[in-house]
Amino acid sequence: MSMVLHSERSYRQRITRKDLCSFQVSVKETDLWVCAETRLETEAQNLIHHARHQIETYIRSHPEFLTSLKPLAVDPYAPTLIKEMQRVTGKAGVGPMAAVAGAIAQYVGKGLLADSRQVIVENGGDIFLMANRPVTVSIFAGESPLSEKLGILIHPDQMPAGICSSSATVGHSLSMGFTDVVCLLSPSAALADAAATALGNMVKKKTHLNNVDDWAKQIGGITGGVVIAGDSMATWGNIELVAL
């Protein structure tokens, strides 16, 4: 099976498997594409509502959670999802909302595992993944000549996994760097999302590609990754690249 990290929703037609049901679930700004063993629209929608309720309620009393570009301390009285976002963005050194897409994908994906042994949840290019066979994730990198030429092969023993991306040239994510894509694999989709933002902010010129391995190690919890800037690429960690 293969899928694409891409800013256009048309790519979702390529996130399919014959042995799984695929469906879209939306609540307000949250728009997920889900693959599971049965149609679980109601369950997925309920999980989105639960996740959004935690975030929206917390923001009403802590508006800095929405706007801060720097980490916030973990609030021991906050809901579980809020504490997870604070924890992983603290590790990555970015604001708490830098983890929101990956955190919601992970929250919904883990919740659906109660009803389906295999679950894929895609949220704006950030993915929670649990499958019983290898999955290839094609990397979309905007105008780079390397875009969609390579994929990351993820094996079942690496799952559940999160694979998330950040880009200065593709999509609407805030990035202070110049990368076409930072694509990271981690056991935590929330951490992969936050760390992708952090590394994307750090890479401001091509020579910085030489440092991304060390920067990722300092964050911790990242299995491996790929960073593409124009015709240059850096890879590291326990990932298997395949030509597409």
C-alpha atoms as a PDB file:
ATOM      1  CA  MET A   1       0.000   0.000   0.000  1.00  0.00           C
ATOM      2  CA  SER A   2       1.190   3.539  -0.633  1.00  0.00           C
ATOM      3  CA  MET A   3       0.126   7.001   0.399  1.00  0.00           C
ATOM      4  CA  VAL A   4       1.258  10.564  -0.184  1.00  0.00           C
ATOM      5  CA  LEU A   5       2.043  13.554   2.007  1.00  0.00           C
ATOM      6  CA  HIS A   6       0.575  16.346  -0.120  1.00  0.00           C
ATOM      7  CA  SER A   7      -1.200  19.664   0.332  1.00  0.00           C
ATOM      8  CA  GLU A   8      -4.002  18.884  -2.131  1.00  0.00           C
ATOM      9  CA  ARG A   9      -6.900  16.703  -0.985  1.00  0.00           C
ATOM     10  CA  SER A  10      -6.955  14.812  -4.308  1.00  0.00           C
ATOM     11  CA  TYR A  11      -4.110  12.647  -3.009  1.00  0.00           C
ATOM     12  CA  ARG A  12      -6.579  10.990  -0.659  1.00  0.00           C
ATOM     13  CA  GLN A  13      -7.894   8.828  -3.461  1.00  0.00           C
ATOM     14  CA  ARG A  14      -4.488   7.132  -3.371  1.00  0.00           C
ATOM     15  CA  ILE A  15      -4.773   6.322   0.352  1.00  0.00           C
ATOM     16  CA  THR A  16      -6.698   3.100  -0.131  1.00  0.00           C
ATOM     17  CA  ARG A  17      -6.419  -0.608   0.523  1.00  0.00           C
ATOM     18  CA  LYS A  18      -8.642  -3.292  -0.896  1.00  0.00           C
ATOM     19  CA  ASP A  19      -8.934  -5.024   2.469  1.00  0.00           C
ATOM     20  CA  LEU A  20      -9.923  -1.823   4.311  1.00  0.00           C
ATOM     21  CA  CYS A  21     -12.823   0.619   4.149  1.00  0.00           C
ATOM     22  CA  SER A  22     -11.873   4.234   3.405  1.00  0.00           C
ATOM     23  CA  PHE A  23     -13.961   7.219   4.427  1.00  0.00           C
ATOM     24  CA  GLN A  24     -13.773  10.921   5.226  1.00  0.00           C
ATOM     25  CA  VAL A  25     -14.852  12.409   8.547  1.00  0.00           C
ATOM     26  CA  SER A  26     -15.009  16.156   9.237  1.00  0.00           C
ATOM     27  CA  VAL A  27     -15.820  18.243  12.287  1.00  0.00           C
ATOM     28  CA  LYS A  28     -15.328  21.999  11.870  1.00  0.00           C
ATOM     29  CA  GLU A  29     -11.719  22.530  10.701  1.00  0.00           C
ATOM     30  CA  THR A  30     -10.729  18.918  11.378  1.00  0.00           C
ATOM     31  CA  ASP A  31     -10.908  16.882   8.172  1.00  0.00           C
ATOM     32  CA  LEU A  32      -9.674  13.292   8.400  1.00  0.00           C
ATOM     33  CA  TRP A  33      -9.302  10.466   5.898  1.00  0.00           C
ATOM     34  CA  VAL A  34      -9.607   7.108   7.640  1.00  0.00           C
ATOM     35  CA  CYS A  35      -8.971   3.511   6.581  1.00  0.00           C
ATOM     36  CA  ALA A  36     -10.240   0.747   8.870  1.00  0.00           C
ATOM     37  CA  GLU A  37     -11.540  -2.813   8.698  1.00  0.00           C
ATOM     38  CA  THR A  38     -15.153  -1.598   8.875  1.00  0.00           C
ATOM     39  CA  ARG A  39     -16.886   1.728   8.335  1.00  0.00           C
ATOM     40  CA  LEU A  40     -16.429   3.555  11.616  1.00  0.00           C
ATOM     41  CA  GLU A  41     -17.634   7.057  10.706  1.00  0.00           C
ATOM     42  CA  THR A  42     -19.658   7.513  13.891  1.00  0.00           C
ATOM     43  CA  GLU A  43     -16.835   6.281  16.128  1.00  0.00           C
ATOM     44  CA  ALA A  44     -14.296   8.499  14.326  1.00  0.00           C
ATOM     45  CA  GLN A  45     -16.560  11.520  14.518  1.00  0.00           C
ATOM     46  CA  ASN A  46     -17.109  10.997  18.239  1.00  0.00           C
ATOM     47  CA  LEU A  47     -13.355  10.775  18.792  1.00  0.00           C
ATOM     48  CA  ILE A  48     -12.806  14.000  16.841  1.00  0.00           C
ATOM     49  CA  HIS A  49     -15.439  15.710  19.004  1.00  0.00           C
ATOM     50  CA  HIS A  50     -13.704  14.441  22.154  1.00  0.00           C
ATOM     51  CA  ALA A  51     -10.316  15.696  20.958  1.00  0.00           C
ATOM     52  CA  ARG A  52     -11.614  19.065  19.826  1.00  0.00           C
ATOM     53  CA  HIS A  53     -13.564  19.539  23.068  1.00  0.00           C
ATOM     54  CA  GLN A  54     -10.372  19.115  25.082  1.00  0.00           C
ATOM     55  CA  ILE A  55      -8.484  21.597  22.908  1.00  0.00           C
ATOM     56  CA  GLU A  56     -11.232  24.202  22.529  1.00  0.00           C
ATOM     57  CA  THR A  57     -12.150  24.160  26.232  1.00  0.00           C
ATOM     58  CA  TYR A  58      -8.531  24.510  27.290  1.00  0.00           C
ATOM     59  CA  ILE A  59      -7.899  27.385  24.879  1.00  0.00           C
ATOM     60  CA  ARG A  60     -10.853  29.312  26.309  1.00  0.00           C
ATOM     61  CA  SER A  61      -9.185  29.425  29.713  1.00  0.00           C
ATOM     62  CA  HIS A  62      -5.573  29.381  28.447  1.00  0.00           C
ATOM     63  CA  PRO A  63      -5.479  31.448  25.204  1.00  0.00           C
ATOM     64  CA  GLU A  64      -1.681  31.268  25.097  1.00  0.00           C
ATOM     65  CA  PHE A  65      -2.023  27.581  24.191  1.00  0.00           C
ATOM     66  CA  LEU A  66      -3.333  28.688  20.781  1.00  0.00           C
ATOM     67  CA  THR A  67      -0.886  31.506  20.083  1.00  0.00           C
ATOM     68  CA  SER A  68       2.429  30.652  21.723  1.00  0.00           C
ATOM     69  CA  LEU A  69       5.324  29.816  19.403  1.00  0.00           C
ATOM     70  CA  LYS A  70       7.343  28.587  22.375  1.00  0.00           C
ATOM     71  CA  PRO A  71       6.760  25.520  24.561  1.00  0.00           C
ATOM     72  CA  LEU A  72       4.431  25.743  27.530  1.00  0.00           C
ATOM     73  CA  ALA A  73       4.990  23.757  30.702  1.00  0.00           C
ATOM     74  CA  VAL A  74       2.904  20.620  31.078  1.00  0.00           C
ATOM     75  CA  ASP A  75      -0.220  21.505  33.037  1.00  0.00           C
ATOM     76  CA  PRO A  76      -0.904  18.636  35.467  1.00  0.00           C
ATOM     77  CA  TYR A  77      -4.580  19.630  35.581  1.00  0.00           C
ATOM     78  CA  ALA A  78      -5.059  19.733  31.814  1.00  0.00           C
ATOM     79  CA  PRO A  79      -6.922  17.073  29.798  1.00  0.00           C
ATOM     80  CA  THR A  80      -4.856  14.123  28.568  1.00  0.00           C
ATOM     81  CA  LEU A  81      -4.562  15.323  24.974  1.00  0.00           C
ATOM     82  CA  ILE A  82      -3.437  18.800  26.086  1.00  0.00           C
ATOM     83  CA  LYS A  83      -0.738  17.334  28.327  1.00  0.00           C
ATOM     84  CA  GLU A  84       0.506  15.163  25.442  1.00  0.00           C
ATOM     85  CA  MET A  85       0.736  18.184  23.128  1.00  0.00           C
ATOM     86  CA  GLN A  86       2.574  20.159  25.823  1.00  0.00           C
ATOM     87  CA  ARG A  87       4.934  17.259  26.482  1.00  0.00           C
ATOM     88  CA  VAL A  88       5.991  16.639  22.878  1.00  0.00           C
ATOM     89  CA  THR A  89       6.274  20.302  21.920  1.00  0.00           C
ATOM     90  CA  GLY A  90       8.380  20.828  25.025  1.00  0.00           C
ATOM     91  CA  LYS A  91      10.785  18.200  23.724  1.00  0.00           C
ATOM     92  CA  ALA A  92      10.823  19.820  20.290  1.00  0.00           C
ATOM     93  CA  GLY A  93      11.032  23.412  21.485  1.00  0.00           C
ATOM     94  CA  VAL A  94       7.974  24.722  19.621  1.00  0.00           C
ATOM     95  CA  GLY A  95       4.540  26.049  20.511  1.00  0.00           C
ATOM     96  CA  PRO A  96       1.842  23.549  21.577  1.00  0.00           C
ATOM     97  CA  MET A  97      -0.306  23.889  18.456  1.00  0.00           C
ATOM     98  CA  ALA A  98       2.623  22.646  16.342  1.00  0.00           C
ATOM     99  CA  ALA A  99       1.513  19.140  17.373  1.00  0.00           C
ATOM    100  CA  VAL A 100      -2.222  19.524  16.833  1.00  0.00           C
ATOM    101  CA  ALA A 101      -2.652  17.667  13.526  1.00  0.00           C
ATOM    102  CA  GLY A 102      -0.519  14.710  14.551  1.00  0.00           C
ATOM    103  CA  ALA A 103      -2.048  14.630  18.028  1.00  0.00           C
ATOM    104  CA  ILE A 104      -5.608  14.469  16.683  1.00  0.00           C
ATOM    105  CA  ALA A 105      -4.679  11.809  14.110  1.00  0.00           C
ATOM    106  CA  GLN A 106      -3.093   9.768  16.895  1.00  0.00           C
ATOM    107  CA  TYR A 107      -6.013  10.276  19.290  1.00  0.00           C
ATOM    108  CA  VAL A 108      -8.557   9.160  16.709  1.00  0.00           C
ATOM    109  CA  GLY A 109      -6.370   6.319  15.412  1.00  0.00           C
ATOM    110  CA  LYS A 110      -5.713   4.836  18.830  1.00  0.00           C
ATOM    111  CA  GLY A 111      -9.378   5.157  19.707  1.00  0.00           C
ATOM    112  CA  LEU A 112     -10.428   3.287  16.570  1.00  0.00           C
ATOM    113  CA  LEU A 113      -8.075   0.402  17.393  1.00  0.00           C
ATOM    114  CA  ALA A 114     -10.749  -0.727  19.856  1.00  0.00           C
ATOM    115  CA  ASP A 115     -12.916  -1.631  16.843  1.00  0.00           C
ATOM    116  CA  SER A 116     -10.364  -2.343  14.094  1.00  0.00           C
ATOM    117  CA  ARG A 117      -6.997  -4.076  14.206  1.00  0.00           C
ATOM    118  CA  GLN A 118      -5.787  -1.949  11.285  1.00  0.00           C
ATOM    119  CA  VAL A 119      -6.238   1.811  11.230  1.00  0.00           C
ATOM    120  CA  ILE A 120      -4.820   4.605   9.121  1.00  0.00           C
ATOM    121  CA  VAL A 121      -5.746   8.200   9.936  1.00  0.00           C
ATOM    122  CA  GLU A 122      -4.533  11.076   7.772  1.00  0.00           C
ATOM    123  CA  ASN A 123      -4.925  14.652   8.963  1.00  0.00           C
ATOM    124  CA  GLY A 124      -3.581  17.225   6.516  1.00  0.00           C
ATOM    125  CA  GLY A 125      -0.605  15.054   5.601  1.00  0.00           C
ATOM    126  CA  ASP A 126       0.099  13.907   9.165  1.00  0.00           C
ATOM    127  CA  ILE A 127      -0.572  10.198   9.586  1.00  0.00           C
ATOM    128  CA  PHE A 128      -1.217   7.667  12.340  1.00  0.00           C
ATOM    129  CA  LEU A 129      -0.564   4.180  11.029  1.00  0.00           C
ATOM    130  CA  MET A 130      -1.294   0.664  12.251  1.00  0.00           C
ATOM    131  CA  ALA A 131      -1.323  -2.081   9.604  1.00  0.00           C
ATOM    132  CA  ASN A 132      -0.473  -5.770   9.312  1.00  0.00           C
ATOM    133  CA  ARG A 133       1.804  -5.423   6.291  1.00  0.00           C
ATOM    134  CA  PRO A 134       4.387  -2.917   5.007  1.00  0.00           C
ATOM    135  CA  VAL A 135       3.196   0.513   3.936  1.00  0.00           C
ATOM    136  CA  THR A 136       5.029   2.871   1.584  1.00  0.00           C
ATOM    137  CA  VAL A 137       4.617   6.595   2.191  1.00  0.00           C
ATOM    138  CA  SER A 138       5.417   8.682  -0.880  1.00  0.00           C
ATOM    139  CA  ILE A 139       7.043  12.019  -0.054  1.00  0.00           C
ATOM    140  CA  PHE A 140       5.613  15.107  -1.714  1.00  0.00           C
ATOM    141  CA  ALA A 141       8.122  17.972  -1.722  1.00  0.00           C
ATOM    142  CA  GLY A 142       6.513  20.722  -3.754  1.00  0.00           C
ATOM    143  CA  GLU A 143       8.594  21.932  -6.697  1.00  0.00           C
ATOM    144  CA  SER A 144      11.659  19.907  -5.706  1.00  0.00           C
ATOM    145  CA  PRO A 145      12.834  17.529  -8.458  1.00  0.00           C
ATOM    146  CA  LEU A 146      12.883  14.827  -5.757  1.00  0.00           C
ATOM    147  CA  SER A 147       9.152  15.204  -5.073  1.00  0.00           C
ATOM    148  CA  GLU A 148       7.256  11.866  -5.241  1.00  0.00           C
ATOM    149  CA  LYS A 149      10.406  10.110  -6.470  1.00  0.00           C
ATOM    150  CA  LEU A 150      11.041   8.441  -3.109  1.00  0.00           C
ATOM    151  CA  GLY A 151       8.992   6.700  -0.463  1.00  0.00           C
ATOM    152  CA  ILE A 152       9.534   5.521   3.096  1.00  0.00           C
ATOM    153  CA  LEU A 153       8.771   1.827   3.588  1.00  0.00           C
ATOM    154  CA  ILE A 154       7.322   1.248   7.053  1.00  0.00           C
ATOM    155  CA  HIS A 155       7.242  -2.318   8.354  1.00  0.00           C
ATOM    156  CA  PRO A 156       4.629  -3.777  10.737  1.00  0.00           C
ATOM    157  CA  ASP A 157       7.184  -4.075  13.547  1.00  0.00           C
ATOM    158  CA  GLN A 158       7.560  -0.267  13.410  1.00  0.00           C
ATOM    159  CA  MET A 159       3.846   0.266  14.018  1.00  0.00           C
ATOM    160  CA  PRO A 160       1.841   1.857  15.475  1.00  0.00           C
ATOM    161  CA  ALA A 161       3.663   4.823  14.023  1.00  0.00           C
ATOM    162  CA  GLY A 162       3.255   8.449  13.210  1.00  0.00           C
ATOM    163  CA  ILE A 163       4.686   9.919  10.035  1.00  0.00           C
ATOM    164  CA  CYS A 164       4.360  13.669   9.772  1.00  0.00           C
ATOM    165  CA  SER A 165       5.671  16.460   7.601  1.00  0.00           C
ATOM    166  CA  SER A 166       6.319  20.176   7.653  1.00  0.00           C
ATOM    167  CA  SER A 167       7.204  22.446   4.767  1.00  0.00           C
ATOM    168  CA  ALA A 168       8.128  26.076   4.147  1.00  0.00           C
ATOM    169  CA  THR A 169       6.935  25.863   0.527  1.00  0.00           C
ATOM    170  CA  VAL A 170       3.900  23.543   0.628  1.00  0.00           C
ATOM    171  CA  GLY A 171       0.667  23.921   2.578  1.00  0.00           C
ATOM    172  CA  HIS A 172      -0.382  26.291   5.347  1.00  0.00           C
ATOM    173  CA  SER A 173       1.879  25.253   8.218  1.00  0.00           C
ATOM    174  CA  LEU A 174       3.987  27.993   9.790  1.00  0.00           C
ATOM    175  CA  SER A 175       7.663  27.353   9.046  1.00  0.00           C
ATOM    176  CA  MET A 176      10.597  29.679   9.572  1.00  0.00           C
ATOM    177  CA  GLY A 177      12.964  27.620   7.418  1.00  0.00           C
ATOM    178  CA  PHE A 178      13.260  26.973   3.701  1.00  0.00           C
ATOM    179  CA  THR A 179      12.736  23.227   3.302  1.00  0.00           C
ATOM    180  CA  ASP A 180      10.427  21.715   0.714  1.00  0.00           C
ATOM    181  CA  VAL A 181       9.624  18.997   3.231  1.00  0.00           C
ATOM    182  CA  VAL A 182      10.684  17.568   6.563  1.00  0.00           C
ATOM    183  CA  CYS A 183       9.195  14.080   6.920  1.00  0.00           C
ATOM    184  CA  LEU A 184       9.683  12.249  10.227  1.00  0.00           C
ATOM    185  CA  LEU A 185       8.816   8.797  11.539  1.00  0.00           C
ATOM    186  CA  SER A 186       8.159   8.233  15.237  1.00  0.00           C
ATOM    187  CA  PRO A 187       6.108   5.944  17.479  1.00  0.00           C
ATOM    188  CA  SER A 188       4.226   9.145  18.372  1.00  0.00           C
ATOM    189  CA  ALA A 189       2.426  11.070  15.627  1.00  0.00           C
ATOM    190  CA  ALA A 190       2.152  14.068  17.975  1.00  0.00           C
ATOM    191  CA  LEU A 191       5.924  14.103  18.488  1.00  0.00           C
ATOM    192  CA  ALA A 192       6.616  13.569  14.769  1.00  0.00           C
ATOM    193  CA  ASP A 193       4.414  16.580  13.987  1.00  0.00           C
ATOM    194  CA  ALA A 194       6.088  18.829  16.558  1.00  0.00           C
ATOM    195  CA  ALA A 195       9.597  17.700  15.635  1.00  0.00           C
ATOM    196  CA  ALA A 196       8.956  18.184  11.906  1.00  0.00           C
ATOM    197  CA  THR A 197       8.037  21.805  12.639  1.00  0.00           C
ATOM    198  CA  ALA A 198      11.110  22.253  14.829  1.00  0.00           C
ATOM    199  CA  LEU A 199      13.548  20.816  12.279  1.00  0.00           C
ATOM    200  CA  GLY A 200      11.881  22.740   9.481  1.00  0.00           C
ATOM    201  CA  ASN A 201      12.460  25.956  11.442  1.00  0.00           C
ATOM    202  CA  MET A 202      16.134  25.109  11.981  1.00  0.00           C
ATOM    203  CA  VAL A 203      17.035  24.387   8.360  1.00  0.00           C
ATOM    204  CA  LYS A 204      17.555  27.849   6.883  1.00  0.00           C
ATOM    205  CA  LYS A 205      20.159  26.954   4.237  1.00  0.00           C
ATOM    206  CA  LYS A 206      21.358  23.809   2.487  1.00  0.00           C
ATOM    207  CA  THR A 207      24.442  23.387   4.656  1.00  0.00           C
ATOM    208  CA  HIS A 208      22.107  22.917   7.624  1.00  0.00           C
ATOM    209  CA  LEU A 209      21.070  19.576   6.132  1.00  0.00           C
ATOM    210  CA  ASN A 210      24.322  18.241   7.562  1.00  0.00           C
ATOM    211  CA  ASN A 211      23.036  18.952  11.078  1.00  0.00           C
ATOM    212  CA  VAL A 212      19.526  17.520  11.018  1.00  0.00           C
ATOM    213  CA  ASP A 213      20.572  14.116  12.381  1.00  0.00           C
ATOM    214  CA  ASP A 214      22.142  15.692  15.468  1.00  0.00           C
ATOM    215  CA  TRP A 215      19.194  18.062  15.931  1.00  0.00           C
ATOM    216  CA  ALA A 216      16.738  15.161  15.743  1.00  0.00           C
ATOM    217  CA  LYS A 217      18.751  13.202  18.313  1.00  0.00           C
ATOM    218  CA  GLN A 218      18.581  16.164  20.683  1.00  0.00           C
ATOM    219  CA  ILE A 219      14.776  16.108  20.446  1.00  0.00           C
ATOM    220  CA  GLY A 220      14.654  12.333  20.978  1.00  0.00           C
ATOM    221  CA  GLY A 221      11.954   9.836  20.072  1.00  0.00           C
ATOM    222  CA  ILE A 222      12.390  10.133  16.289  1.00  0.00           C
ATOM    223  CA  THR A 223      12.917   6.837  14.447  1.00  0.00           C
ATOM    224  CA  GLY A 224      14.264   8.498  11.303  1.00  0.00           C
ATOM    225  CA  GLY A 225      13.551  11.132   8.744  1.00  0.00           C
ATOM    226  CA  VAL A 226      14.015  12.770   5.369  1.00  0.00           C
ATOM    227  CA  VAL A 227      14.584  16.463   4.714  1.00  0.00           C
ATOM    228  CA  ILE A 228      14.418  17.821   1.164  1.00  0.00           C
ATOM    229  CA  ALA A 229      15.427  21.315   0.086  1.00  0.00           C
ATOM    230  CA  GLY A 230      15.458  21.822  -3.662  1.00  0.00           C
ATOM    231  CA  ASP A 231      17.678  19.137  -5.200  1.00  0.00           C
ATOM    232  CA  SER A 232      19.365  18.287  -1.896  1.00  0.00           C
ATOM    233  CA  MET A 233      18.299  15.682   0.635  1.00  0.00           C
ATOM    234  CA  ALA A 234      19.329  14.438   4.068  1.00  0.00           C
ATOM    235  CA  THR A 235      18.220  11.115   5.541  1.00  0.00           C
ATOM    236  CA  TRP A 236      18.987   9.402   8.828  1.00  0.00           C
ATOM    237  CA  GLY A 237      17.794   6.825  11.306  1.00  0.00           C
ATOM    238  CA  ASN A 238      15.984   3.521  10.979  1.00  0.00           C
ATOM    239  CA  ILE A 239      14.073   4.166   7.770  1.00  0.00           C
ATOM    240  CA  GLU A 240      14.047   2.337   4.459  1.00  0.00           C
ATOM    241  CA  LEU A 241      13.811   4.484   1.343  1.00  0.00           C
ATOM    242  CA  VAL A 242      12.392   3.043  -1.878  1.00  0.00           C
ATOM    243  CA  ALA A 243      12.335   4.481  -5.375  1.00  0.00           C
ATOM    244  CA  LEU A 244       8.866   5.145  -6.770  1.00  0.00           C
END
